[in-house]
Protein backbone atom coordinates (compact mmCIF):
# COMPACT_ATOMS: atom_id res chain seq x y z
CA MET A 1 106.24 19.52 -117.89
CA ASP A 2 104.69 20.80 -121.10
CA LEU A 3 105.64 24.45 -120.82
CA ASN A 4 107.42 26.03 -123.75
CA SER A 5 111.16 26.52 -123.41
CA ASP A 6 113.65 28.58 -125.37
CA GLU A 7 117.37 28.59 -125.90
CA ASP A 8 118.11 31.47 -123.54
CA THR A 9 120.50 29.97 -120.98
CA LEU A 10 122.36 33.13 -120.16
CA LEU A 11 123.06 34.05 -116.57
CA ASN A 12 121.21 37.06 -115.21
CA ILE A 13 124.33 38.45 -113.51
CA ASP A 14 124.49 42.02 -112.29
CA PRO A 15 127.95 43.64 -112.65
CA ARG A 16 127.68 44.78 -109.04
CA ARG A 17 127.55 41.18 -107.80
CA GLN A 18 130.99 41.33 -106.16
CA GLU A 19 129.51 43.78 -103.68
CA ALA A 20 126.65 41.48 -102.74
CA GLY A 21 128.37 39.11 -100.30
CA LYS A 22 126.92 35.60 -99.99
CA ARG A 23 124.97 34.81 -103.16
CA VAL A 24 122.45 32.27 -104.38
CA LEU A 25 122.13 30.51 -107.72
CA VAL A 26 118.56 29.60 -108.69
CA MET A 27 118.05 27.11 -111.52
CA THR A 28 114.68 26.90 -113.30
CA ALA A 29 113.71 24.65 -116.18
CA VAL A 30 111.85 27.10 -118.42
CA PRO A 31 111.44 30.86 -118.91
CA VAL A 32 108.05 31.25 -117.21
CA GLU A 33 109.49 29.77 -114.01
CA ARG A 34 112.55 31.99 -114.26
CA ASP A 35 110.36 35.05 -114.74
CA ALA A 36 108.22 34.18 -111.70
CA VAL A 37 111.35 33.79 -109.56
CA LEU A 38 112.75 37.10 -110.83
CA ARG A 39 109.51 38.90 -109.94
CA GLY A 40 109.71 37.50 -106.43
CA LEU A 41 113.35 38.54 -106.05
CA ASN A 42 112.52 42.10 -107.11
CA GLY A 43 115.94 42.83 -108.58
CA ASP A 44 118.05 41.62 -105.65
CA ILE A 45 121.62 41.38 -106.97
CA ARG A 46 122.61 38.66 -104.52
CA VAL A 47 120.68 36.08 -106.55
CA ASP A 48 121.36 34.87 -110.10
CA VAL A 49 118.58 33.03 -111.92
CA VAL A 50 119.62 30.69 -114.74
CA LEU A 51 117.71 28.46 -117.14
CA ALA A 52 118.62 24.81 -116.51
CA GLY A 53 116.69 23.23 -119.37
CA VAL A 54 114.26 20.35 -118.95
CA GLY A 55 115.34 17.07 -117.39
CA PRO A 56 118.19 15.90 -115.16
CA ALA A 57 120.92 15.80 -117.82
CA ALA A 58 120.35 19.36 -119.07
CA SER A 59 119.99 20.68 -115.55
CA ALA A 60 123.21 19.02 -114.36
CA ALA A 61 125.19 20.44 -117.27
CA SER A 62 123.73 23.93 -116.93
CA THR A 63 124.26 24.01 -113.18
CA ALA A 64 127.86 22.81 -113.47
CA LYS A 65 128.52 25.53 -116.05
CA ALA A 66 127.04 28.25 -113.85
CA LEU A 67 128.97 27.05 -110.79
CA SER A 68 132.23 27.03 -112.73
CA ALA A 69 131.68 30.68 -113.68
CA ASP A 70 131.22 32.09 -110.18
CA ASP A 71 131.07 31.35 -106.44
CA TYR A 72 127.76 30.74 -104.68
CA GLY A 73 126.81 29.89 -101.13
CA LEU A 74 123.60 28.08 -102.10
CA VAL A 75 122.01 26.51 -105.17
CA VAL A 76 118.23 26.20 -105.48
CA SER A 77 116.31 24.13 -108.01
CA ALA A 78 112.97 25.94 -108.28
CA GLY A 79 109.85 25.58 -110.37
CA ILE A 80 106.40 24.12 -110.56
CA GLY A 81 105.71 20.40 -110.31
CA GLY A 82 103.25 17.64 -109.58
CA GLY A 83 102.13 16.78 -106.07
CA PHE A 84 101.29 13.34 -104.71
CA ALA A 85 97.66 13.14 -103.60
CA GLY A 86 97.32 13.20 -99.84
CA ARG A 87 100.77 14.73 -99.43
CA ALA A 88 101.03 17.92 -101.50
CA GLU A 89 97.83 19.25 -102.96
CA VAL A 90 97.46 21.68 -105.85
CA GLY A 91 98.17 25.20 -104.62
CA SER A 92 100.78 24.18 -102.05
CA LEU A 93 104.57 24.41 -101.87
CA VAL A 94 107.08 21.64 -101.25
CA VAL A 95 110.57 22.20 -99.87
CA ALA A 96 112.50 19.00 -100.56
CA SER A 97 113.78 17.08 -97.54
CA GLU A 98 115.73 14.93 -100.00
CA ILE A 99 116.03 14.73 -103.78
CA VAL A 100 115.55 11.31 -105.37
CA ALA A 101 116.22 10.11 -108.92
CA ALA A 102 113.14 7.90 -108.83
CA ASP A 103 113.45 6.21 -112.23
CA LEU A 104 117.22 5.70 -112.32
CA GLY A 105 117.73 1.94 -112.39
CA VAL A 106 116.51 -1.11 -114.30
CA GLU A 107 113.27 -2.98 -114.81
CA THR A 108 113.41 -6.68 -113.97
CA ALA A 109 110.93 -9.54 -113.98
CA ASP A 110 110.42 -8.82 -110.29
CA GLY A 111 109.91 -5.08 -110.78
CA PHE A 112 112.08 -1.98 -110.59
CA SER A 113 115.57 -2.02 -109.08
CA SER A 114 117.21 1.28 -108.26
CA LEU A 115 120.82 2.27 -108.78
CA ASP A 116 121.29 1.80 -105.03
CA GLU A 117 120.01 -1.79 -105.13
CA LEU A 118 122.26 -2.53 -108.09
CA GLY A 119 125.28 -1.23 -106.16
CA PHE A 120 126.18 1.35 -108.81
CA GLY A 121 125.69 4.53 -106.79
CA SER A 122 122.97 6.45 -105.02
CA THR A 123 119.69 7.89 -106.25
CA HIS A 124 119.17 9.86 -103.03
CA VAL A 125 120.67 13.28 -102.38
CA PRO A 126 120.32 14.15 -98.67
CA LEU A 127 119.89 17.82 -97.85
CA ASP A 128 120.84 20.04 -94.92
CA THR A 129 117.93 19.44 -92.54
CA SER A 130 118.42 22.69 -90.66
CA LEU A 131 118.42 24.70 -93.90
CA VAL A 132 115.32 22.89 -95.18
CA GLU A 133 113.50 23.54 -91.91
CA ARG A 134 114.56 27.17 -91.85
CA VAL A 135 113.31 27.85 -95.39
CA ALA A 136 110.04 26.01 -94.76
CA GLY A 137 109.61 27.89 -91.49
CA LEU A 138 110.12 31.24 -93.19
CA MET A 139 107.50 30.31 -95.76
CA LEU A 140 105.04 29.28 -93.08
CA ALA A 141 105.69 32.55 -91.27
CA ALA A 142 104.90 34.36 -94.52
CA GLY A 143 101.53 32.61 -94.67
CA LEU A 144 102.45 30.25 -97.51
CA PRO A 145 101.08 26.67 -97.59
CA VAL A 146 104.24 24.56 -97.42
CA ILE A 147 105.31 21.06 -96.47
CA THR A 148 108.63 19.24 -96.57
CA GLY A 149 109.20 15.83 -98.10
CA PRO A 150 111.08 13.92 -100.77
CA VAL A 151 110.93 15.43 -104.26
CA LEU A 152 111.31 12.89 -107.06
CA SER A 153 113.27 13.66 -110.22
CA VAL A 154 112.15 11.70 -113.27
CA SER A 155 113.05 11.64 -116.95
CA THR A 156 109.53 10.54 -117.89
CA VAL A 157 106.69 12.30 -116.12
CA THR A 158 104.24 9.96 -114.38
CA GLY A 159 100.95 9.77 -116.31
CA THR A 160 98.77 7.03 -114.84
CA ALA A 161 97.26 6.23 -111.45
CA ALA A 162 99.14 2.92 -111.37
CA SER A 163 102.53 4.49 -112.02
CA ALA A 164 101.81 7.24 -109.48
CA ALA A 165 101.05 4.59 -106.86
CA GLU A 166 104.24 2.74 -107.79
CA MET A 167 106.31 5.91 -107.44
CA ALA A 168 104.74 6.69 -104.07
CA ALA A 169 105.51 3.16 -102.86
CA ARG A 170 109.06 3.34 -104.21
CA VAL A 171 109.84 6.46 -102.14
CA PRO A 172 107.82 6.49 -98.91
CA GLY A 173 106.49 9.96 -98.10
CA ALA A 174 107.11 11.25 -101.63
CA ALA A 175 105.65 14.75 -101.85
CA SER A 176 106.34 16.03 -105.35
CA GLU A 177 107.59 15.03 -108.78
CA ALA A 178 109.60 17.15 -111.21
CA MET A 179 112.45 16.65 -113.68
CA GLU A 180 115.45 18.78 -112.73
CA GLY A 181 116.29 18.59 -109.03
CA TYR A 182 118.58 15.57 -109.12
CA GLY A 183 120.71 17.03 -111.92
CA VAL A 184 121.02 20.35 -110.11
CA ALA A 185 121.86 18.58 -106.85
CA ILE A 186 124.55 16.38 -108.39
CA ALA A 187 126.31 19.41 -109.86
CA ALA A 188 126.03 21.35 -106.59
CA ASN A 189 127.35 18.41 -104.55
CA ASP A 190 130.29 18.03 -106.92
CA LYS A 191 131.15 21.67 -106.21
CA GLY A 192 130.56 21.29 -102.46
CA THR A 193 127.72 23.84 -102.49
CA PRO A 194 124.55 23.40 -100.39
CA VAL A 195 121.42 22.76 -102.43
CA LEU A 196 117.65 23.06 -102.01
CA GLU A 197 114.65 22.23 -104.18
CA ILE A 198 111.38 24.15 -104.06
CA ARG A 199 108.26 23.15 -106.01
CA ALA A 200 104.95 24.96 -106.39
CA ILE A 201 102.29 22.34 -107.07
CA SER A 202 100.30 22.90 -110.26
CA ASN A 203 98.77 19.43 -110.64
CA LEU A 204 98.55 16.03 -109.03
CA VAL A 205 100.89 13.23 -110.03
CA GLY A 206 99.03 10.67 -112.14
CA PRO A 207 96.56 10.89 -115.03
CA ARG A 208 97.30 14.02 -117.06
CA ASP A 209 94.03 15.94 -116.79
CA ARG A 210 95.25 19.27 -118.12
CA THR A 211 91.89 20.92 -117.41
CA ALA A 212 92.68 20.50 -113.70
CA TRP A 213 96.16 22.03 -113.87
CA ARG A 214 96.66 25.37 -112.15
CA ILE A 215 99.86 26.63 -113.75
CA LYS A 216 99.13 30.34 -113.37
CA GLU A 217 98.38 29.94 -109.67
CA ALA A 218 101.48 27.77 -109.17
CA LEU A 219 103.68 30.38 -110.82
CA GLU A 220 102.22 33.06 -108.53
CA LEU A 221 103.01 30.83 -105.55
CA LEU A 222 106.55 30.31 -106.86
CA GLU A 223 106.92 34.09 -107.06
CA ALA A 224 105.81 34.44 -103.44
CA ALA A 225 108.17 31.68 -102.33
CA SER A 226 111.08 33.34 -104.14
CA SER A 227 110.61 36.54 -102.16
CA VAL A 228 111.06 34.48 -98.98
CA LEU A 229 114.45 33.29 -100.23
CA LEU A 230 115.77 36.77 -99.64
CA GLU A 231 115.31 36.25 -95.90
CA VAL A 232 117.74 33.31 -96.06
CA LEU A 233 120.43 35.79 -97.11
CA SER A 234 119.76 38.22 -94.29
């Protein structure tokens, strides 16, 4: 992601939040994503939107800090991202069915070996299937173009057709690629809080043809998706 970031990591917390009942924490990487989410939420005090920073390490630390400051019933990693051709096209939404740290492992003479294969942990964060299906269903009912599928978290964004094909083969059914979901999910799981990831697709995973990116349209779609989140709280 090449969007500009800033150092504003403050929580947008309304002092009336104790009156709001079940609340949601939304983590976005950069300010333009945060602002799109806030527009979609239209001032609803049941949702706090916090800047996570770019990448899994920053997002894990920021999410853990936010979760230590207050109680939430749901954490959402939200933003724009790349879509895998044939799975999630530009102008669509992806609700993650699982979150995968796709480049966490080692390179060997025989290829890539994941953390799972090495026996050092898991790169896959399973999500609540019923919650995923409910959110995707609400988006479909709202007329939004949405699919569910694995969302890959990477520290280095995929930039060639060959590496995109390798990523798609590494995680069958991979729908989208971004940089923050795994970090957010690890922090949420550590706290015992349900987590979701939502991506609005601005470009295809692979060669970085910036003339084909549709960031403005993806941010508008993220805004529309954020308004649907309010129905999850009802």
